[in-house]
PDB file of all heavy atoms in Angstrom:
ATOM      1  N   HIS A   1     118.129 110.213  98.108  1.00  0.00           N
ATOM      2  CA  HIS A   1     117.819 109.316  96.956  1.00  0.00           C
ATOM      3  C   HIS A   1     118.538 109.664  95.582  1.00  0.00           C
ATOM      4  O   HIS A   1     118.755 110.929  95.486  1.00  0.00           O
ATOM      5  CB  HIS A   1     116.280 109.260  96.696  1.00  0.00           C
ATOM      6  CG  HIS A   1     115.794 110.503  96.300  1.00  0.00           C
ATOM      7  ND1 HIS A   1     115.483 111.610  97.191  1.00  0.00           N
ATOM      8  CD2 HIS A   1     115.426 110.937  95.133  1.00  0.00           C
ATOM      9  CE1 HIS A   1     114.947 112.583  96.571  1.00  0.00           C
ATOM     10  NE2 HIS A   1     114.899 112.233  95.273  1.00  0.00           N
ATOM     11  N   TRP A   2     118.699 108.791  94.664  1.00  0.00           N
ATOM     12  CA  TRP A   2     119.205 109.188  93.342  1.00  0.00           C
ATOM     13  C   TRP A   2     118.173 109.291  92.408  1.00  0.00           C
ATOM     14  O   TRP A   2     118.224 109.845  91.233  1.00  0.00           O
ATOM     15  CB  TRP A   2     120.472 108.334  93.022  1.00  0.00           C
ATOM     16  CG  TRP A   2     120.093 106.859  92.771  1.00  0.00           C
ATOM     17  CD1 TRP A   2     120.331 105.888  93.804  1.00  0.00           C
ATOM     18  CD2 TRP A   2     119.719 106.181  91.594  1.00  0.00           C
ATOM     19  NE1 TRP A   2     119.942 104.761  93.249  1.00  0.00           N
ATOM     20  CE2 TRP A   2     119.598 104.806  92.008  1.00  0.00           C
ATOM     21  CE3 TRP A   2     119.543 106.600  90.264  1.00  0.00           C
ATOM     22  CZ2 TRP A   2     119.223 103.812  90.932  1.00  0.00           C
ATOM     23  CZ3 TRP A   2     119.015 105.667  89.359  1.00  0.00           C
ATOM     24  CH2 TRP A   2     118.988 104.321  89.674  1.00  0.00           C
ATOM     25  N   CYS A   3     116.976 108.568  92.686  1.00  0.00           N
ATOM     26  CA  CYS A   3     115.828 108.734  91.763  1.00  0.00           C
ATOM     27  C   CYS A   3     114.575 108.378  92.562  1.00  0.00           C
ATOM     28  O   CYS A   3     114.672 107.764  93.627  1.00  0.00           O
ATOM     29  CB  CYS A   3     115.992 107.931  90.594  1.00  0.00           C
ATOM     30  SG  CYS A   3     115.651 106.164  90.757  1.00  0.00           S
ATOM     31  N   VAL A   4     113.558 108.767  91.879  1.00  0.00           N
ATOM     32  CA  VAL A   4     112.121 108.540  92.542  1.00  0.00           C
ATOM     33  C   VAL A   4     111.412 107.879  91.322  1.00  0.00           C
ATOM     34  O   VAL A   4     111.429 108.230  90.171  1.00  0.00           O
ATOM     35  CB  VAL A   4     111.427 109.748  93.050  1.00  0.00           C
ATOM     36  CG1 VAL A   4     110.039 109.518  93.335  1.00  0.00           C
ATOM     37  CG2 VAL A   4     112.264 110.339  94.092  1.00  0.00           C
ATOM     38  N   VAL A   5     110.535 106.802  91.715  1.00  0.00           N
ATOM     39  CA  VAL A   5     109.959 106.045  90.634  1.00  0.00           C
ATOM     40  C   VAL A   5     108.404 106.157  90.841  1.00  0.00           C
ATOM     41  O   VAL A   5     107.941 105.965  92.070  1.00  0.00           O
ATOM     42  CB  VAL A   5     110.236 104.610  90.586  1.00  0.00           C
ATOM     43  CG1 VAL A   5     109.496 103.784  89.502  1.00  0.00           C
ATOM     44  CG2 VAL A   5     111.817 104.386  90.333  1.00  0.00           C
ATOM     45  N   ALA A   6     107.553 106.438  89.817  1.00  0.00           N
ATOM     46  CA  ALA A   6     106.204 106.421  90.017  1.00  0.00           C
ATOM     47  C   ALA A   6     105.509 105.542  88.907  1.00  0.00           C
ATOM     48  O   ALA A   6     106.134 105.349  87.866  1.00  0.00           O
ATOM     49  CB  ALA A   6     105.587 107.928  89.653  1.00  0.00           C
ATOM     50  N   TYR A   7     104.566 104.675  89.478  1.00  0.00           N
ATOM     51  CA  TYR A   7     103.980 103.611  88.603  1.00  0.00           C
ATOM     52  C   TYR A   7     102.585 104.188  88.178  1.00  0.00           C
ATOM     53  O   TYR A   7     101.931 104.634  88.991  1.00  0.00           O
ATOM     54  CB  TYR A   7     103.940 102.336  89.375  1.00  0.00           C
ATOM     55  CG  TYR A   7     102.992 101.420  88.625  1.00  0.00           C
ATOM     56  CD1 TYR A   7     103.434 100.762  87.258  1.00  0.00           C
ATOM     57  CD2 TYR A   7     101.866 100.954  89.101  1.00  0.00           C
ATOM     58  CE1 TYR A   7     102.633  99.886  86.753  1.00  0.00           C
ATOM     59  CE2 TYR A   7     101.024  99.993  88.371  1.00  0.00           C
ATOM     60  CZ  TYR A   7     101.382  99.523  87.235  1.00  0.00           C
ATOM     61  OH  TYR A   7     100.740  98.462  86.550  1.00  0.00           O
ATOM     62  N   TRP A   8     102.382 104.077  86.894  1.00  0.00           N
ATOM     63  CA  TRP A   8     101.119 104.562  86.262  1.00  0.00           C
ATOM     64  C   TRP A   8     100.338 103.452  85.545  1.00  0.00           C
ATOM     65  O   TRP A   8     100.941 102.639  84.928  1.00  0.00           O
ATOM     66  CB  TRP A   8     101.462 105.754  85.241  1.00  0.00           C
ATOM     67  CG  TRP A   8     101.971 106.982  85.902  1.00  0.00           C
ATOM     68  CD1 TRP A   8     103.229 107.176  86.273  1.00  0.00           C
ATOM     69  CD2 TRP A   8     101.281 108.239  86.138  1.00  0.00           C
ATOM     70  NE1 TRP A   8     103.520 108.368  86.685  1.00  0.00           N
ATOM     71  CE2 TRP A   8     102.257 109.079  86.686  1.00  0.00           C
ATOM     72  CE3 TRP A   8      99.981 108.655  86.020  1.00  0.00           C
ATOM     73  CZ2 TRP A   8     102.010 110.418  87.044  1.00  0.00           C
ATOM     74  CZ3 TRP A   8      99.639 109.938  86.379  1.00  0.00           C
ATOM     75  CH2 TRP A   8     100.728 110.719  86.833  1.00  0.00           C
ATOM     76  N   GLU A   9      99.162 103.514  85.536  1.00  0.00           N
ATOM     77  CA  GLU A   9      98.259 102.779  84.674  1.00  0.00           C
ATOM     78  C   GLU A   9      97.307 103.755  83.971  1.00  0.00           C
ATOM     79  O   GLU A   9      96.479 104.505  84.456  1.00  0.00           O
ATOM     80  CB  GLU A   9      97.375 101.794  85.467  1.00  0.00           C
ATOM     81  CG  GLU A   9      98.132 100.734  86.154  1.00  0.00           C
ATOM     82  CD  GLU A   9      97.368  99.731  87.038  1.00  0.00           C
ATOM     83  OE1 GLU A   9      96.186  99.939  87.300  1.00  0.00           O
ATOM     84  OE2 GLU A   9      97.960  98.762  87.452  1.00  0.00           O
ATOM     85  N   GLU A  10      97.691 103.760  82.653  1.00  0.00           N
ATOM     86  CA  GLU A  10      97.164 104.856  81.722  1.00  0.00           C
ATOM     87  C   GLU A  10      97.236 106.185  82.412  1.00  0.00           C
ATOM     88  O   GLU A  10      98.422 106.632  82.597  1.00  0.00           O
ATOM     89  CB  GLU A  10      95.592 104.545  81.505  1.00  0.00           C
ATOM     90  CG  GLU A  10      95.444 103.291  80.562  1.00  0.00           C
ATOM     91  CD  GLU A  10      94.130 102.538  80.658  1.00  0.00           C
ATOM     92  OE1 GLU A  10      93.388 102.769  81.652  1.00  0.00           O
ATOM     93  OE2 GLU A  10      93.854 101.896  79.683  1.00  0.00           O
ATOM     94  N   LYS A  11      96.277 106.976  82.689  1.00  0.00           N
ATOM     95  CA  LYS A  11      96.411 108.417  83.270  1.00  0.00           C
ATOM     96  C   LYS A  11      96.434 108.421  84.759  1.00  0.00           C
ATOM     97  O   LYS A  11      96.434 109.592  85.209  1.00  0.00           O
ATOM     98  CB  LYS A  11      95.225 109.186  82.599  1.00  0.00           C
ATOM     99  CG  LYS A  11      95.358 109.529  81.264  1.00  0.00           C
ATOM    100  CD  LYS A  11      94.253 110.399  80.757  1.00  0.00           C
ATOM    101  CE  LYS A  11      94.225 110.681  79.262  1.00  0.00           C
ATOM    102  NZ  LYS A  11      94.058 109.561  78.358  1.00  0.00           N
ATOM    103  N   THR A  12      96.415 107.321  85.483  1.00  0.00           N
ATOM    104  CA  THR A  12      96.283 107.288  86.923  1.00  0.00           C
ATOM    105  C   THR A  12      97.639 106.800  87.566  1.00  0.00           C
ATOM    106  O   THR A  12      98.036 105.650  87.215  1.00  0.00           O
ATOM    107  CB  THR A  12      95.153 106.417  87.298  1.00  0.00           C
ATOM    108  OG1 THR A  12      94.026 106.799  86.650  1.00  0.00           O
ATOM    109  CG2 THR A  12      94.975 106.472  88.900  1.00  0.00           C
ATOM    110  N   ARG A  13      98.117 107.523  88.394  1.00  0.00           N
ATOM    111  CA  ARG A  13      99.310 107.122  89.152  1.00  0.00           C
ATOM    112  C   ARG A  13      98.824 106.097  90.185  1.00  0.00           C
ATOM    113  O   ARG A  13      97.760 106.365  90.934  1.00  0.00           O
ATOM    114  CB  ARG A  13     100.052 108.095  89.908  1.00  0.00           C
ATOM    115  CG  ARG A  13     101.423 107.663  90.485  1.00  0.00           C
ATOM    116  CD  ARG A  13     102.233 108.717  91.007  1.00  0.00           C
ATOM    117  NE  ARG A  13     102.007 108.845  92.452  1.00  0.00           N
ATOM    118  CZ  ARG A  13     102.121 109.852  93.260  1.00  0.00           C
ATOM    119  NH1 ARG A  13     102.447 110.928  92.650  1.00  0.00           N
ATOM    120  NH2 ARG A  13     101.845 109.854  94.392  1.00  0.00           N
ATOM    121  N   VAL A  14      99.412 104.989  90.399  1.00  0.00           N
ATOM    122  CA  VAL A  14      99.086 103.951  91.380  1.00  0.00           C
ATOM    123  C   VAL A  14     100.119 103.798  92.353  1.00  0.00           C
ATOM    124  O   VAL A  14     101.362 103.676  92.122  1.00  0.00           O
ATOM    125  CB  VAL A  14      98.830 102.507  90.557  1.00  0.00           C
ATOM    126  CG1 VAL A  14      98.437 101.425  91.592  1.00  0.00           C
ATOM    127  CG2 VAL A  14      97.804 102.687  89.445  1.00  0.00           C
ATOM    128  N   GLY A  15      99.698 103.901  93.649  1.00  0.00           N
ATOM    129  CA  GLY A  15     100.684 103.781  94.773  1.00  0.00           C
ATOM    130  C   GLY A  15     101.333 105.177  95.029  1.00  0.00           C
ATOM    131  O   GLY A  15     101.080 106.120  94.204  1.00  0.00           O
ATOM    132  N   ARG A  16     102.217 105.176  95.899  1.00  0.00           N
ATOM    133  CA  ARG A  16     103.031 106.319  96.236  1.00  0.00           C
ATOM    134  C   ARG A  16     104.354 106.285  95.486  1.00  0.00           C
ATOM    135  O   ARG A  16     104.684 105.461  94.864  1.00  0.00           O
ATOM    136  CB  ARG A  16     103.217 106.451  97.644  1.00  0.00           C
ATOM    137  CG  ARG A  16     101.868 106.613  98.384  1.00  0.00           C
ATOM    138  CD  ARG A  16     101.905 106.251  99.896  1.00  0.00           C
ATOM    139  NE  ARG A  16     102.809 107.043 100.736  1.00  0.00           N
ATOM    140  CZ  ARG A  16     103.228 106.693 101.920  1.00  0.00           C
ATOM    141  NH1 ARG A  16     102.621 105.633 102.447  1.00  0.00           N
ATOM    142  NH2 ARG A  16     104.136 107.372 102.483  1.00  0.00           N
ATOM    143  N   LEU A  17     105.109 107.436  95.466  1.00  0.00           N
ATOM    144  CA  LEU A  17     106.326 107.569  94.947  1.00  0.00           C
ATOM    145  C   LEU A  17     107.483 106.650  95.585  1.00  0.00           C
ATOM    146  O   LEU A  17     107.321 106.528  96.826  1.00  0.00           O
ATOM    147  CB  LEU A  17     106.908 108.994  94.875  1.00  0.00           C
ATOM    148  CG  LEU A  17     106.148 110.066  94.122  1.00  0.00           C
ATOM    149  CD1 LEU A  17     106.648 111.441  94.447  1.00  0.00           C
ATOM    150  CD2 LEU A  17     106.164 109.738  92.658  1.00  0.00           C
ATOM    151  N   TYR A  18     108.227 106.014  94.858  1.00  0.00           N
ATOM    152  CA  TYR A  18     109.121 104.959  95.488  1.00  0.00           C
ATOM    153  C   TYR A  18     110.514 105.671  95.419  1.00  0.00           C
ATOM    154  O   TYR A  18     111.110 105.957  94.288  1.00  0.00           O
ATOM    155  CB  TYR A  18     109.102 103.698  94.750  1.00  0.00           C
ATOM    156  CG  TYR A  18     109.889 102.554  95.335  1.00  0.00           C
ATOM    157  CD1 TYR A  18     109.307 101.764  96.338  1.00  0.00           C
ATOM    158  CD2 TYR A  18     111.214 102.361  95.094  1.00  0.00           C
ATOM    159  CE1 TYR A  18     109.970 100.733  96.870  1.00  0.00           C
ATOM    160  CE2 TYR A  18     111.959 101.326  95.674  1.00  0.00           C
ATOM    161  CZ  TYR A  18     111.429 100.464  96.498  1.00  0.00           C
ATOM    162  OH  TYR A  18     111.983  99.486  97.012  1.00  0.00           O
ATOM    163  N   SER A  19     111.186 105.881  96.482  1.00  0.00           N
ATOM    164  CA  SER A  19     112.427 106.625  96.528  1.00  0.00           C
ATOM    165  C   SER A  19     113.424 105.527  96.524  1.00  0.00           C
ATOM    166  O   SER A  19     113.420 104.593  97.246  1.00  0.00           O
ATOM    167  CB  SER A  19     112.559 107.484  97.783  1.00  0.00           C
ATOM    168  OG  SER A  19     113.760 108.073  97.953  1.00  0.00           O
ATOM    169  N   VAL A  20     114.586 105.788  95.696  1.00  0.00           N
ATOM    170  CA  VAL A  20     115.741 104.799  95.513  1.00  0.00           C
ATOM    171  C   VAL A  20     117.060 105.277  96.142  1.00  0.00           C
ATOM    172  O   VAL A  20     117.470 106.398  95.590  1.00  0.00           O
ATOM    173  CB  VAL A  20     115.840 104.387  94.029  1.00  0.00           C
ATOM    174  CG1 VAL A  20     116.889 103.341  93.923  1.00  0.00           C
ATOM    175  CG2 VAL A  20     114.521 103.999  93.493  1.00  0.00           C
ATOM    176  N   GLN A  21     117.655 104.563  97.089  1.00  0.00           N
ATOM    177  CA  GLN A  21     118.905 104.982  97.685  1.00  0.00           C
ATOM    178  C   GLN A  21     119.976 103.918  97.187  1.00  0.00           C
ATOM    179  O   GLN A  21     121.173 104.347  97.000  1.00  0.00           O
ATOM    180  CB  GLN A  21     118.778 104.981  99.291  1.00  0.00           C
ATOM    181  CG  GLN A  21     118.157 106.194  99.707  1.00  0.00           C
ATOM    182  CD  GLN A  21     116.716 106.033 100.002  1.00  0.00           C
ATOM    183  OE1 GLN A  21     116.126 104.967 100.145  1.00  0.00           O
ATOM    184  NE2 GLN A  21     116.034 107.115 100.064  1.00  0.00           N
ATOM    185  N   GLU A  22     119.519 102.735  97.161  1.00  0.00           N
ATOM    186  CA  GLU A  22     120.497 101.647  96.744  1.00  0.00           C
ATOM    187  C   GLU A  22     120.921 101.760  95.274  1.00  0.00           C
ATOM    188  O   GLU A  22     120.280 102.430  94.445  1.00  0.00           O
ATOM    189  CB  GLU A  22     119.832 100.316  96.762  1.00  0.00           C
ATOM    190  CG  GLU A  22     119.354 100.031  98.259  1.00  0.00           C
ATOM    191  CD  GLU A  22     120.440  99.899  99.286  1.00  0.00           C
ATOM    192  OE1 GLU A  22     121.520  99.258  98.909  1.00  0.00           O
ATOM    193  OE2 GLU A  22     120.306 100.355 100.341  1.00  0.00           O
ATOM    194  N   PRO A  23     122.125 101.365  94.864  1.00  0.00           N
ATOM    195  CA  PRO A  23     122.686 101.547  93.487  1.00  0.00           C
ATOM    196  C   PRO A  23     121.830 100.900  92.427  1.00  0.00           C
ATOM    197  O   PRO A  23     121.874 101.316  91.230  1.00  0.00           O
ATOM    198  CB  PRO A  23     124.120 100.995  93.639  1.00  0.00           C
ATOM    199  CG  PRO A  23     124.348 100.473  94.973  1.00  0.00           C
ATOM    200  CD  PRO A  23     123.061 100.790  95.745  1.00  0.00           C
ATOM    201  N   SER A  24     121.045  99.837  92.810  1.00  0.00           N
ATOM    202  CA  SER A  24     120.207  99.196  91.748  1.00  0.00           C
ATOM    203  C   SER A  24     118.818  98.918  92.441  1.00  0.00           C
ATOM    204  O   SER A  24     118.708  98.804  93.600  1.00  0.00           O
ATOM    205  CB  SER A  24     120.801  98.087  91.156  1.00  0.00           C
ATOM    206  OG  SER A  24     120.715  96.998  91.992  1.00  0.00           O
ATOM    207  N   LEU A  25     117.854  98.809  91.483  1.00  0.00           N
ATOM    208  CA  LEU A  25     116.459  98.601  91.902  1.00  0.00           C
ATOM    209  C   LEU A  25     115.873  97.608  90.967  1.00  0.00           C
ATOM    210  O   LEU A  25     115.855  97.794  89.793  1.00  0.00           O
ATOM    211  CB  LEU A  25     115.647  99.845  92.016  1.00  0.00           C
ATOM    212  CG  LEU A  25     114.198  99.631  92.252  1.00  0.00           C
ATOM    213  CD1 LEU A  25     113.869  99.177  93.711  1.00  0.00           C
ATOM    214  CD2 LEU A  25     113.438 100.964  91.988  1.00  0.00           C
ATOM    215  N   ASP A  26     115.211  96.590  91.454  1.00  0.00           N
ATOM    216  CA  ASP A  26     114.261  95.614  90.743  1.00  0.00           C
ATOM    217  C   ASP A  26     112.963  96.168  90.713  1.00  0.00           C
ATOM    218  O   ASP A  26     112.513  96.437  91.972  1.00  0.00           O
ATOM    219  CB  ASP A  26     114.444  94.195  91.290  1.00  0.00           C
ATOM    220  CG  ASP A  26     115.890  93.734  91.057  1.00  0.00           C
ATOM    221  OD1 ASP A  26     116.511  93.907  90.064  1.00  0.00           O
ATOM    222  OD2 ASP A  26     116.271  92.881  91.894  1.00  0.00           O
ATOM    223  N   ILE A  27     112.387  96.232  89.690  1.00  0.00           N
ATOM    224  CA  ILE A  27     110.876  96.646  89.611  1.00  0.00           C
ATOM    225  C   ILE A  27     110.254  95.559  88.939  1.00  0.00           C
ATOM    226  O   ILE A  27     110.483  95.297  87.629  1.00  0.00           O
ATOM    227  CB  ILE A  27     110.651  97.939  88.827  1.00  0.00           C
ATOM    228  CG1 ILE A  27     111.582  99.229  89.492  1.00  0.00           C
ATOM    229  CG2 ILE A  27     109.208  98.224  88.849  1.00  0.00           C
ATOM    230  CD1 ILE A  27     111.500 100.482  88.811  1.00  0.00           C
ATOM    231  N   PHE A  28     109.313  94.933  89.529  1.00  0.00           N
ATOM    232  CA  PHE A  28     108.639  93.678  88.981  1.00  0.00           C
ATOM    233  C   PHE A  28     107.291  93.567  89.480  1.00  0.00           C
ATOM    234  O   PHE A  28     106.784  94.291  90.409  1.00  0.00           O
ATOM    235  CB  PHE A  28     109.370  92.431  89.443  1.00  0.00           C
ATOM    236  CG  PHE A  28     109.702  92.496  91.014  1.00  0.00           C
ATOM    237  CD1 PHE A  28     108.744  91.880  91.928  1.00  0.00           C
ATOM    238  CD2 PHE A  28     110.831  93.091  91.532  1.00  0.00           C
ATOM    239  CE1 PHE A  28     108.939  91.982  93.288  1.00  0.00           C
ATOM    240  CE2 PHE A  28     111.023  93.140  92.896  1.00  0.00           C
ATOM    241  CZ  PHE A  28     110.013  92.576  93.759  1.00  0.00           C
ATOM    242  N   TYR A  29     106.638  92.550  88.891  1.00  0.00           N
ATOM    243  CA  TYR A  29     105.056  92.486  89.222  1.00  0.00           C
ATOM    244  C   TYR A  29     104.957  91.384  90.436  1.00  0.00           C
ATOM    245  O   TYR A  29     104.432  91.791  91.349  1.00  0.00           O
ATOM    246  CB  TYR A  29     104.349  92.057  87.997  1.00  0.00           C
ATOM    247  CG  TYR A  29     102.835  91.963  88.373  1.00  0.00           C
ATOM    248  CD1 TYR A  29     102.071  93.115  88.525  1.00  0.00           C
ATOM    249  CD2 TYR A  29     102.230  90.739  88.615  1.00  0.00           C
ATOM    250  CE1 TYR A  29     100.807  93.126  88.896  1.00  0.00           C
ATOM    251  CE2 TYR A  29     100.865  90.640  89.039  1.00  0.00           C
ATOM    252  CZ  TYR A  29     100.222  91.805  89.185  1.00  0.00           C
ATOM    253  OH  TYR A  29      98.897  91.708  89.507  1.00  0.00           O
ATOM    254  N   ASP A  30     105.662  90.364  90.187  1.00  0.00           N
ATOM    255  CA  ASP A  30     105.524  89.250  91.224  1.00  0.00           C
ATOM    256  C   ASP A  30     106.768  88.485  91.235  1.00  0.00           C
ATOM    257  O   ASP A  30     107.126  87.845  90.172  1.00  0.00           O
ATOM    258  CB  ASP A  30     104.276  88.373  90.960  1.00  0.00           C
ATOM    259  CG  ASP A  30     103.860  87.707  92.200  1.00  0.00           C
ATOM    260  OD1 ASP A  30     104.360  87.957  93.253  1.00  0.00           O
ATOM    261  OD2 ASP A  30     102.961  86.744  92.048  1.00  0.00           O
ATOM    262  N   LEU A  31     107.499  88.364  92.242  1.00  0.00           N
ATOM    263  CA  LEU A  31     108.677  87.606  92.354  1.00  0.00           C
ATOM    264  C   LEU A  31     108.692  86.980  93.676  1.00  0.00           C
ATOM    265  O   LEU A  31     108.615  87.489  94.814  1.00  0.00           O
ATOM    266  CB  LEU A  31     109.896  88.618  92.222  1.00  0.00           C
ATOM    267  CG  LEU A  31     111.178  88.149  91.636  1.00  0.00           C
ATOM    268  CD1 LEU A  31     111.152  87.585  90.397  1.00  0.00           C
ATOM    269  CD2 LEU A  31     112.198  89.415  91.596  1.00  0.00           C
ATOM    270  N   PRO A  32     108.786  85.619  93.690  1.00  0.00           N
ATOM    271  CA  PRO A  32     108.700  84.870  95.038  1.00  0.00           C
ATOM    272  C   PRO A  32     109.687  85.484  96.065  1.00  0.00           C
ATOM    273  O   PRO A  32     109.228  85.786  97.209  1.00  0.00           O
ATOM    274  CB  PRO A  32     109.003  83.425  94.726  1.00  0.00           C
ATOM    275  CG  PRO A  32     108.746  83.320  93.273  1.00  0.00           C
ATOM    276  CD  PRO A  32     108.979  84.777  92.613  1.00  0.00           C
ATOM    277  N   GLN A  33     110.885  85.608  95.743  1.00  0.00           N
ATOM    278  CA  GLN A  33     111.919  86.109  96.809  1.00  0.00           C
ATOM    279  C   GLN A  33     112.308  87.407  96.284  1.00  0.00           C
ATOM    280  O   GLN A  33     113.510  87.860  96.635  1.00  0.00           O
ATOM    281  CB  GLN A  33     113.073  85.120  96.861  1.00  0.00           C
ATOM    282  CG  GLN A  33     112.994  84.109  97.934  1.00  0.00           C
ATOM    283  CD  GLN A  33     111.935  83.073  97.917  1.00  0.00           C
ATOM    284  OE1 GLN A  33     111.763  82.417  96.864  1.00  0.00           O
ATOM    285  NE2 GLN A  33     111.115  83.027  98.955  1.00  0.00           N
TER     286      GLN A  33
END
């Protein structure tokens, strides 16, 4: 991977670490496709 992403709400990490291999990553709340 070239980076790892962690999502937080205030002081709490939500979910697991997201590892990124692709050259770009979309991070969104809700996207139909």
